[in-house]
């Protein structure tokens, strides 16, 4: 499947021409780095679970992987910033 088709069906967030790949990667990395380290860590854990078991058949409670994130101080601060309609930083 080519990038254009993957983008059209929702598998990709954006498609970059070959000569702009590194600019696109840098832009994505900057967006990711705006998140807290605990949020990035928990997202990576969740992605690892999904890669091993895409349908989450082995996960008894589908919300369970997200519960650890909700207990962090970062989550509380980000939620408060959202409720106050301000930047979390």
PDB file of N, CA and C in Angstrom:
ATOM      1  N   UNK A   1       0.851  -1.168   0.000  1.00  0.00           N
ATOM      2  CA  UNK A   1       0.000   0.000   0.000  1.00  0.00           C
ATOM      3  C   UNK A   1       0.901   1.237   0.000  1.00  0.00           C
ATOM      4  N   UNK A   2       0.556   2.205  -0.816  1.00  0.00           N
ATOM      5  CA  UNK A   2       1.351   3.427  -0.854  1.00  0.00           C
ATOM      6  C   UNK A   2       0.899   4.401   0.235  1.00  0.00           C
ATOM      7  N   UNK A   3       1.715   5.421   0.485  1.00  0.00           N
ATOM      8  CA  UNK A   3       1.440   6.387   1.547  1.00  0.00           C
ATOM      9  C   UNK A   3       0.139   7.134   1.362  1.00  0.00           C
ATOM     10  N   UNK A   4      -0.161   7.496   0.131  1.00  0.00           N
ATOM     11  CA  UNK A   4      -1.398   8.247  -0.159  1.00  0.00           C
ATOM     12  C   UNK A   4      -2.633   7.429   0.227  1.00  0.00           C
ATOM     13  N   UNK A   5      -2.639   6.156  -0.131  1.00  0.00           N
ATOM     14  CA  UNK A   5      -3.768   5.290   0.205  1.00  0.00           C
ATOM     15  C   UNK A   5      -3.870   5.104   1.716  1.00  0.00           C
ATOM     16  N   UNK A   6      -2.727   4.870   2.363  1.00  0.00           N
ATOM     17  CA  UNK A   6      -2.725   4.711   3.824  1.00  0.00           C
ATOM     18  C   UNK A   6      -3.264   5.960   4.509  1.00  0.00           C
ATOM     19  N   UNK A   7      -2.922   7.132   3.990  1.00  0.00           N
ATOM     20  CA  UNK A   7      -3.411   8.386   4.556  1.00  0.00           C
ATOM     21  C   UNK A   7      -4.925   8.508   4.353  1.00  0.00           C
ATOM     22  N   UNK A   8      -5.402   8.179   3.163  1.00  0.00           N
ATOM     23  CA  UNK A   8      -6.833   8.303   2.850  1.00  0.00           C
ATOM     24  C   UNK A   8      -7.697   7.413   3.733  1.00  0.00           C
ATOM     25  N   UNK A   9      -7.189   6.249   4.122  1.00  0.00           N
ATOM     26  CA  UNK A   9      -8.005   5.346   4.953  1.00  0.00           C
ATOM     27  C   UNK A   9      -7.728   5.503   6.451  1.00  0.00           C
ATOM     28  N   UNK A  10      -6.922   6.507   6.790  1.00  0.00           N
ATOM     29  CA  UNK A  10      -6.731   6.840   8.201  1.00  0.00           C
ATOM     30  C   UNK A  10      -5.601   6.135   8.917  1.00  0.00           C
ATOM     31  N   UNK A  11      -4.723   5.467   8.204  1.00  0.00           N
ATOM     32  CA  UNK A  11      -3.595   4.793   8.845  1.00  0.00           C
ATOM     33  C   UNK A  11      -2.434   5.744   9.125  1.00  0.00           C
ATOM     34  N   UNK A  12      -2.411   6.869   8.428  1.00  0.00           N
ATOM     35  CA  UNK A  12      -1.349   7.859   8.606  1.00  0.00           C
ATOM     36  C   UNK A  12      -1.957   9.203   8.960  1.00  0.00           C
ATOM     37  N   UNK A  13      -1.181   9.981   9.671  1.00  0.00           N
ATOM     38  CA  UNK A  13      -1.621  11.329  10.030  1.00  0.00           C
ATOM     39  C   UNK A  13      -1.217  12.335   8.953  1.00  0.00           C
ATOM     40  N   UNK A  14      -0.119  12.047   8.282  1.00  0.00           N
ATOM     41  CA  UNK A  14       0.343  12.953   7.230  1.00  0.00           C
ATOM     42  C   UNK A  14       1.270  12.209   6.287  1.00  0.00           C
ATOM     43  N   UNK A  15       1.365  12.687   5.063  1.00  0.00           N
ATOM     44  CA  UNK A  15       2.260  12.115   4.056  1.00  0.00           C
ATOM     45  C   UNK A  15       3.217  13.219   3.622  1.00  0.00           C
ATOM     46  N   UNK A  16       4.501  12.897   3.627  1.00  0.00           N
ATOM     47  CA  UNK A  16       5.516  13.870   3.223  1.00  0.00           C
ATOM     48  C   UNK A  16       6.205  13.397   1.948  1.00  0.00           C
ATOM     49  N   UNK A  17       6.547  14.331   1.065  1.00  0.00           N
ATOM     50  CA  UNK A  17       7.324  13.925  -0.107  1.00  0.00           C
ATOM     51  C   UNK A  17       8.719  13.487   0.345  1.00  0.00           C
ATOM     52  N   UNK A  18       9.363  12.634  -0.432  1.00  0.00           N
ATOM     53  CA  UNK A  18      10.670  12.093  -0.024  1.00  0.00           C
ATOM     54  C   UNK A  18      11.688  13.148   0.401  1.00  0.00           C
ATOM     55  N   UNK A  19      11.705  14.297  -0.276  1.00  0.00           N
ATOM     56  CA  UNK A  19      12.695  15.319   0.067  1.00  0.00           C
ATOM     57  C   UNK A  19      12.332  16.105   1.325  1.00  0.00           C
ATOM     58  N   UNK A  20      11.166  15.840   1.916  1.00  0.00           N
ATOM     59  CA  UNK A  20      10.724  16.546   3.123  1.00  0.00           C
ATOM     60  C   UNK A  20      10.547  15.599   4.321  1.00  0.00           C
ATOM     61  N   UNK A  21      10.991  14.355   4.160  1.00  0.00           N
ATOM     62  CA  UNK A  21      10.806  13.348   5.213  1.00  0.00           C
ATOM     63  C   UNK A  21      11.403  13.800   6.541  1.00  0.00           C
ATOM     64  N   UNK A  22      12.634  14.269   6.519  1.00  0.00           N
ATOM     65  CA  UNK A  22      13.298  14.634   7.773  1.00  0.00           C
ATOM     66  C   UNK A  22      12.630  15.827   8.441  1.00  0.00           C
ATOM     67  N   UNK A  23      12.118  16.754   7.649  1.00  0.00           N
ATOM     68  CA  UNK A  23      11.375  17.884   8.217  1.00  0.00           C
ATOM     69  C   UNK A  23      10.092  17.394   8.888  1.00  0.00           C
ATOM     70  N   UNK A  24       9.417  16.445   8.251  1.00  0.00           N
ATOM     71  CA  UNK A  24       8.201  15.875   8.827  1.00  0.00           C
ATOM     72  C   UNK A  24       8.481  15.125  10.121  1.00  0.00           C
ATOM     73  N   UNK A  25       9.565  14.372  10.133  1.00  0.00           N
ATOM     74  CA  UNK A  25       9.948  13.633  11.341  1.00  0.00           C
ATOM     75  C   UNK A  25      10.278  14.606  12.472  1.00  0.00           C
ATOM     76  N   UNK A  26      11.022  15.643  12.142  1.00  0.00           N
ATOM     77  CA  UNK A  26      11.385  16.640  13.154  1.00  0.00           C
ATOM     78  C   UNK A  26      10.145  17.314  13.726  1.00  0.00           C
ATOM     79  N   UNK A  27       9.192  17.633  12.877  1.00  0.00           N
ATOM     80  CA  UNK A  27       7.941  18.258  13.319  1.00  0.00           C
ATOM     81  C   UNK A  27       7.174  17.330  14.260  1.00  0.00           C
ATOM     82  N   UNK A  28       7.102  16.048  13.902  1.00  0.00           N
ATOM     83  CA  UNK A  28       6.418  15.069  14.747  1.00  0.00           C
ATOM     84  C   UNK A  28       7.131  14.910  16.085  1.00  0.00           C
ATOM     85  N   UNK A  29       8.451  14.841  16.059  1.00  0.00           N
ATOM     86  CA  UNK A  29       9.207  14.701  17.301  1.00  0.00           C
ATOM     87  C   UNK A  29       8.997  15.895  18.233  1.00  0.00           C
ATOM     88  N   UNK A  30       8.924  17.087  17.667  1.00  0.00           N
ATOM     89  CA  UNK A  30       8.676  18.273  18.485  1.00  0.00           C
ATOM     90  C   UNK A  30       7.299  18.195  19.146  1.00  0.00           C
ATOM     91  N   UNK A  31       6.314  17.700  18.408  1.00  0.00           N
ATOM     92  CA  UNK A  31       4.973  17.538  18.989  1.00  0.00           C
ATOM     93  C   UNK A  31       4.980  16.492  20.101  1.00  0.00           C
ATOM     94  N   UNK A  32       5.687  15.393  19.882  1.00  0.00           N
ATOM     95  CA  UNK A  32       5.753  14.337  20.894  1.00  0.00           C
ATOM     96  C   UNK A  32       6.459  14.849  22.146  1.00  0.00           C
ATOM     97  N   UNK A  33       7.544  15.595  21.949  1.00  0.00           N
ATOM     98  CA  UNK A  33       8.334  16.084  23.091  1.00  0.00           C
ATOM     99  C   UNK A  33       7.581  17.077  23.965  1.00  0.00           C
ATOM    100  N   UNK A  34       6.486  17.629  23.467  1.00  0.00           N
ATOM    101  CA  UNK A  34       5.674  18.539  24.277  1.00  0.00           C
ATOM    102  C   UNK A  34       4.894  17.785  25.352  1.00  0.00           C
ATOM    103  N   UNK A  35       4.808  16.468  25.209  1.00  0.00           N
ATOM    104  CA  UNK A  35       4.117  15.645  26.197  1.00  0.00           C
ATOM    105  C   UNK A  35       5.051  15.304  27.351  1.00  0.00           C
ATOM    106  N   UNK A  36       4.468  14.923  28.450  1.00  0.00           N
ATOM    107  CA  UNK A  36       5.284  14.548  29.607  1.00  0.00           C
ATOM    108  C   UNK A  36       5.985  13.219  29.355  1.00  0.00           C
ATOM    109  N   UNK A  37       7.087  13.015  30.040  1.00  0.00           N
ATOM    110  CA  UNK A  37       7.830  11.764  29.871  1.00  0.00           C
ATOM    111  C   UNK A  37       6.998  10.567  30.315  1.00  0.00           C
ATOM    112  N   UNK A  38       6.190  10.736  31.360  1.00  0.00           N
ATOM    113  CA  UNK A  38       5.362   9.600  31.801  1.00  0.00           C
ATOM    114  C   UNK A  38       4.280   9.280  30.773  1.00  0.00           C
ATOM    115  N   UNK A  39       3.747  10.298  30.126  1.00  0.00           N
ATOM    116  CA  UNK A  39       2.747  10.074  29.085  1.00  0.00           C
ATOM    117  C   UNK A  39       3.357   9.330  27.897  1.00  0.00           C
ATOM    118  N   UNK A  40       4.547   9.735  27.499  1.00  0.00           N
ATOM    119  CA  UNK A  40       5.235   9.060  26.399  1.00  0.00           C
ATOM    120  C   UNK A  40       5.544   7.617  26.776  1.00  0.00           C
ATOM    121  N   UNK A  41       6.018   7.405  28.000  1.00  0.00           N
ATOM    122  CA  UNK A  41       6.343   6.057  28.477  1.00  0.00           C
ATOM    123  C   UNK A  41       5.109   5.154  28.458  1.00  0.00           C
ATOM    124  N   UNK A  42       3.992   5.639  28.970  1.00  0.00           N
ATOM    125  CA  UNK A  42       2.768   4.833  29.019  1.00  0.00           C
ATOM    126  C   UNK A  42       2.219   4.569  27.615  1.00  0.00           C
ATOM    127  N   UNK A  43       2.362   5.547  26.729  1.00  0.00           N
ATOM    128  CA  UNK A  43       1.921   5.351  25.344  1.00  0.00           C
ATOM    129  C   UNK A  43       2.749   4.267  24.675  1.00  0.00           C
ATOM    130  N   UNK A  44       4.053   4.275  24.920  1.00  0.00           N
ATOM    131  CA  UNK A  44       4.918   3.241  24.356  1.00  0.00           C
ATOM    132  C   UNK A  44       4.534   1.858  24.884  1.00  0.00           C
ATOM    133  N   UNK A  45       4.199   1.778  26.173  1.00  0.00           N
ATOM    134  CA  UNK A  45       3.772   0.494  26.751  1.00  0.00           C
ATOM    135  C   UNK A  45       2.488   0.016  26.083  1.00  0.00           C
ATOM    136  N   UNK A  46       1.543   0.940  25.908  1.00  0.00           N
ATOM    137  CA  UNK A  46       0.269   0.588  25.292  1.00  0.00           C
ATOM    138  C   UNK A  46       0.463   0.155  23.841  1.00  0.00           C
ATOM    139  N   UNK A  47       1.356   0.842  23.131  1.00  0.00           N
ATOM    140  CA  UNK A  47       1.641   0.457  21.748  1.00  0.00           C
ATOM    141  C   UNK A  47       2.258  -0.934  21.686  1.00  0.00           C
ATOM    142  N   UNK A  48       3.124  -1.263  22.641  1.00  0.00           N
ATOM    143  CA  UNK A  48       3.734  -2.587  22.674  1.00  0.00           C
ATOM    144  C   UNK A  48       2.674  -3.663  22.888  1.00  0.00           C
ATOM    145  N   UNK A  49       1.715  -3.390  23.768  1.00  0.00           N
ATOM    146  CA  UNK A  49       0.614  -4.336  24.006  1.00  0.00           C
ATOM    147  C   UNK A  49      -0.189  -4.525  22.718  1.00  0.00           C
ATOM    148  N   UNK A  50      -0.499  -3.425  22.053  1.00  0.00           N
ATOM    149  CA  UNK A  50      -1.295  -3.483  20.821  1.00  0.00           C
ATOM    150  C   UNK A  50      -0.560  -4.197  19.696  1.00  0.00           C
ATOM    151  N   UNK A  51       0.760  -4.047  19.627  1.00  0.00           N
ATOM    152  CA  UNK A  51       1.518  -4.742  18.595  1.00  0.00           C
ATOM    153  C   UNK A  51       1.482  -6.253  18.806  1.00  0.00           C
ATOM    154  N   UNK A  52       1.546  -6.681  20.063  1.00  0.00           N
ATOM    155  CA  UNK A  52       1.511  -8.111  20.373  1.00  0.00           C
ATOM    156  C   UNK A  52       0.108  -8.682  20.237  1.00  0.00           C
ATOM    157  N   UNK A  53      -0.889  -7.875  20.562  1.00  0.00           N
ATOM    158  CA  UNK A  53      -2.274  -8.347  20.590  1.00  0.00           C
ATOM    159  C   UNK A  53      -3.191  -7.232  20.079  1.00  0.00           C
ATOM    160  N   UNK A  54      -3.253  -7.027  18.744  1.00  0.00           N
ATOM    161  CA  UNK A  54      -3.996  -5.897  18.180  1.00  0.00           C
ATOM    162  C   UNK A  54      -5.463  -5.808  18.604  1.00  0.00           C
ATOM    163  N   UNK A  55      -6.079  -6.923  18.873  1.00  0.00           N
ATOM    164  CA  UNK A  55      -7.485  -6.917  19.286  1.00  0.00           C
ATOM    165  C   UNK A  55      -7.651  -6.880  20.799  1.00  0.00           C
ATOM    166  N   UNK A  56      -6.528  -6.804  21.514  1.00  0.00           N
ATOM    167  CA  UNK A  56      -6.504  -6.781  22.981  1.00  0.00           C
ATOM    168  C   UNK A  56      -7.295  -7.937  23.594  1.00  0.00           C
ATOM    169  N   UNK A  57      -7.214  -9.081  22.941  1.00  0.00           N
ATOM    170  CA  UNK A  57      -7.936 -10.262  23.430  1.00  0.00           C
ATOM    171  C   UNK A  57      -7.367 -10.779  24.747  1.00  0.00           C
ATOM    172  N   UNK A  58      -6.066 -10.553  24.964  1.00  0.00           N
ATOM    173  CA  UNK A  58      -5.446 -11.057  26.189  1.00  0.00           C
ATOM    174  C   UNK A  58      -5.548 -10.056  27.343  1.00  0.00           C
ATOM    175  N   UNK A  59      -6.090  -8.873  27.076  1.00  0.00           N
ATOM    176  CA  UNK A  59      -6.228  -7.852  28.121  1.00  0.00           C
ATOM    177  C   UNK A  59      -7.636  -7.957  28.701  1.00  0.00           C
ATOM    178  N   UNK A  60      -7.750  -8.359  29.982  1.00  0.00           N
ATOM    179  CA  UNK A  60      -9.077  -8.576  30.557  1.00  0.00           C
ATOM    180  C   UNK A  60      -9.942  -7.314  30.589  1.00  0.00           C
ATOM    181  N   UNK A  61      -9.344  -6.186  30.899  1.00  0.00           N
ATOM    182  CA  UNK A  61     -10.074  -4.925  30.949  1.00  0.00           C
ATOM    183  C   UNK A  61      -9.396  -3.981  29.962  1.00  0.00           C
ATOM    184  N   UNK A  62     -10.091  -3.632  28.892  1.00  0.00           N
ATOM    185  CA  UNK A  62      -9.490  -2.830  27.821  1.00  0.00           C
ATOM    186  C   UNK A  62      -9.007  -1.467  28.304  1.00  0.00           C
ATOM    187  N   UNK A  63      -9.573  -0.938  29.372  1.00  0.00           N
ATOM    188  CA  UNK A  63      -9.153   0.366  29.898  1.00  0.00           C
ATOM    189  C   UNK A  63      -7.937   0.242  30.811  1.00  0.00           C
ATOM    190  N   UNK A  64      -7.607  -0.957  31.233  1.00  0.00           N
ATOM    191  CA  UNK A  64      -6.526  -1.175  32.191  1.00  0.00           C
ATOM    192  C   UNK A  64      -5.197  -0.538  31.784  1.00  0.00           C
ATOM    193  N   UNK A  65      -4.766  -0.674  30.527  1.00  0.00           N
ATOM    194  CA  UNK A  65      -3.478  -0.054  30.170  1.00  0.00           C
ATOM    195  C   UNK A  65      -3.459   1.459  30.363  1.00  0.00           C
ATOM    196  N   UNK A  66      -4.603   2.109  30.354  1.00  0.00           N
ATOM    197  CA  UNK A  66      -4.662   3.558  30.514  1.00  0.00           C
ATOM    198  C   UNK A  66      -4.721   3.990  31.973  1.00  0.00           C
ATOM    199  N   UNK A  67      -5.031   3.091  32.859  1.00  0.00           N
ATOM    200  CA  UNK A  67      -5.239   3.439  34.264  1.00  0.00           C
ATOM    201  C   UNK A  67      -3.965   3.958  34.933  1.00  0.00           C
ATOM    202  N   UNK A  68      -2.821   3.371  34.615  1.00  0.00           N
ATOM    203  CA  UNK A  68      -1.573   3.838  35.220  1.00  0.00           C
ATOM    204  C   UNK A  68      -1.304   5.294  34.873  1.00  0.00           C
ATOM    205  N   UNK A  69      -1.616   5.683  33.639  1.00  0.00           N
ATOM    206  CA  UNK A  69      -1.414   7.072  33.217  1.00  0.00           C
ATOM    207  C   UNK A  69      -2.268   8.025  34.039  1.00  0.00           C
ATOM    208  N   UNK A  70      -3.481   7.636  34.315  1.00  0.00           N
ATOM    209  CA  UNK A  70      -4.415   8.517  35.024  1.00  0.00           C
ATOM    210  C   UNK A  70      -3.991   8.778  36.463  1.00  0.00           C
ATOM    211  N   UNK A  71      -3.075   7.992  36.979  1.00  0.00           N
ATOM    212  CA  UNK A  71      -2.630   8.148  38.373  1.00  0.00           C
ATOM    213  C   UNK A  71      -1.431   9.079  38.521  1.00  0.00           C
ATOM    214  N   UNK A  72      -0.868   9.537  37.410  1.00  0.00           N
ATOM    215  CA  UNK A  72       0.352  10.336  37.495  1.00  0.00           C
ATOM    216  C   UNK A  72       0.054  11.814  37.760  1.00  0.00           C
ATOM    217  N   UNK A  73       1.060  12.483  38.293  1.00  0.00           N
ATOM    218  CA  UNK A  73       0.945  13.922  38.536  1.00  0.00           C
ATOM    219  C   UNK A  73       0.817  14.672  37.211  1.00  0.00           C
ATOM    220  N   UNK A  74       1.513  14.185  36.176  1.00  0.00           N
ATOM    221  CA  UNK A  74       1.427  14.810  34.857  1.00  0.00           C
ATOM    222  C   UNK A  74      -0.007  14.800  34.341  1.00  0.00           C
ATOM    223  N   UNK A  75      -0.690  13.681  34.531  1.00  0.00           N
ATOM    224  CA  UNK A  75      -2.071  13.566  34.074  1.00  0.00           C
ATOM    225  C   UNK A  75      -2.945  14.596  34.786  1.00  0.00           C
ATOM    226  N   UNK A  76      -2.749  14.723  36.092  1.00  0.00           N
ATOM    227  CA  UNK A  76      -3.543  15.684  36.867  1.00  0.00           C
ATOM    228  C   UNK A  76      -3.296  17.107  36.389  1.00  0.00           C
ATOM    229  N   UNK A  77      -2.021  17.459  36.173  1.00  0.00           N
ATOM    230  CA  UNK A  77      -1.681  18.809  35.725  1.00  0.00           C
ATOM    231  C   UNK A  77      -2.244  19.096  34.329  1.00  0.00           C
ATOM    232  N   UNK A  78      -2.108  18.134  33.448  1.00  0.00           N
ATOM    233  CA  UNK A  78      -2.600  18.314  32.085  1.00  0.00           C
ATOM    234  C   UNK A  78      -4.120  18.437  32.068  1.00  0.00           C
ATOM    235  N   UNK A  79      -4.788  17.618  32.868  1.00  0.00           N
ATOM    236  CA  UNK A  79      -6.245  17.696  32.946  1.00  0.00           C
ATOM    237  C   UNK A  79      -6.673  19.056  33.481  1.00  0.00           C
ATOM    238  N   UNK A  80      -5.994  19.538  34.510  1.00  0.00           N
ATOM    239  CA  UNK A  80      -6.319  20.845  35.075  1.00  0.00           C
ATOM    240  C   UNK A  80      -6.090  21.954  34.048  1.00  0.00           C
ATOM    241  N   UNK A  81      -5.003  21.874  33.305  1.00  0.00           N
ATOM    242  CA  UNK A  81      -4.718  22.875  32.270  1.00  0.00           C
ATOM    243  C   UNK A  81      -5.807  22.848  31.194  1.00  0.00           C
ATOM    244  N   UNK A  82      -6.248  21.657  30.828  1.00  0.00           N
ATOM    245  CA  UNK A  82      -7.323  21.534  29.836  1.00  0.00           C
ATOM    246  C   UNK A  82      -8.602  22.186  30.354  1.00  0.00           C
ATOM    247  N   UNK A  83      -8.952  21.902  31.588  1.00  0.00           N
ATOM    248  CA  UNK A  83     -10.175  22.469  32.171  1.00  0.00           C
ATOM    249  C   UNK A  83     -10.091  23.996  32.267  1.00  0.00           C
ATOM    250  N   UNK A  84      -8.892  24.517  32.479  1.00  0.00           N
ATOM    251  CA  UNK A  84      -8.688  25.959  32.570  1.00  0.00           C
ATOM    252  C   UNK A  84      -8.405  26.586  31.208  1.00  0.00           C
ATOM    253  N   UNK A  85      -8.447  25.758  30.157  1.00  0.00           N
ATOM    254  CA  UNK A  85      -8.209  26.205  28.779  1.00  0.00           C
ATOM    255  C   UNK A  85      -6.879  26.947  28.629  1.00  0.00           C
ATOM    256  N   UNK A  86      -5.825  26.361  29.199  1.00  0.00           N
ATOM    257  CA  UNK A  86      -4.493  26.950  29.082  1.00  0.00           C
ATOM    258  C   UNK A  86      -3.494  25.872  28.697  1.00  0.00           C
ATOM    259  N   UNK A  87      -2.311  26.304  28.257  1.00  0.00           N
ATOM    260  CA  UNK A  87      -1.238  25.384  27.892  1.00  0.00           C
ATOM    261  C   UNK A  87      -0.750  24.696  29.159  1.00  0.00           C
ATOM    262  N   UNK A  88      -0.459  23.403  29.066  1.00  0.00           N
ATOM    263  CA  UNK A  88      -0.043  22.639  30.247  1.00  0.00           C
ATOM    264  C   UNK A  88       1.317  23.061  30.778  1.00  0.00           C
ATOM    265  N   UNK A  89       2.123  23.747  29.967  1.00  0.00           N
ATOM    266  CA  UNK A  89       3.451  24.169  30.395  1.00  0.00           C
ATOM    267  C   UNK A  89       3.349  25.528  30.941  1.00  0.00           C
TER     268      UNK A  89
END
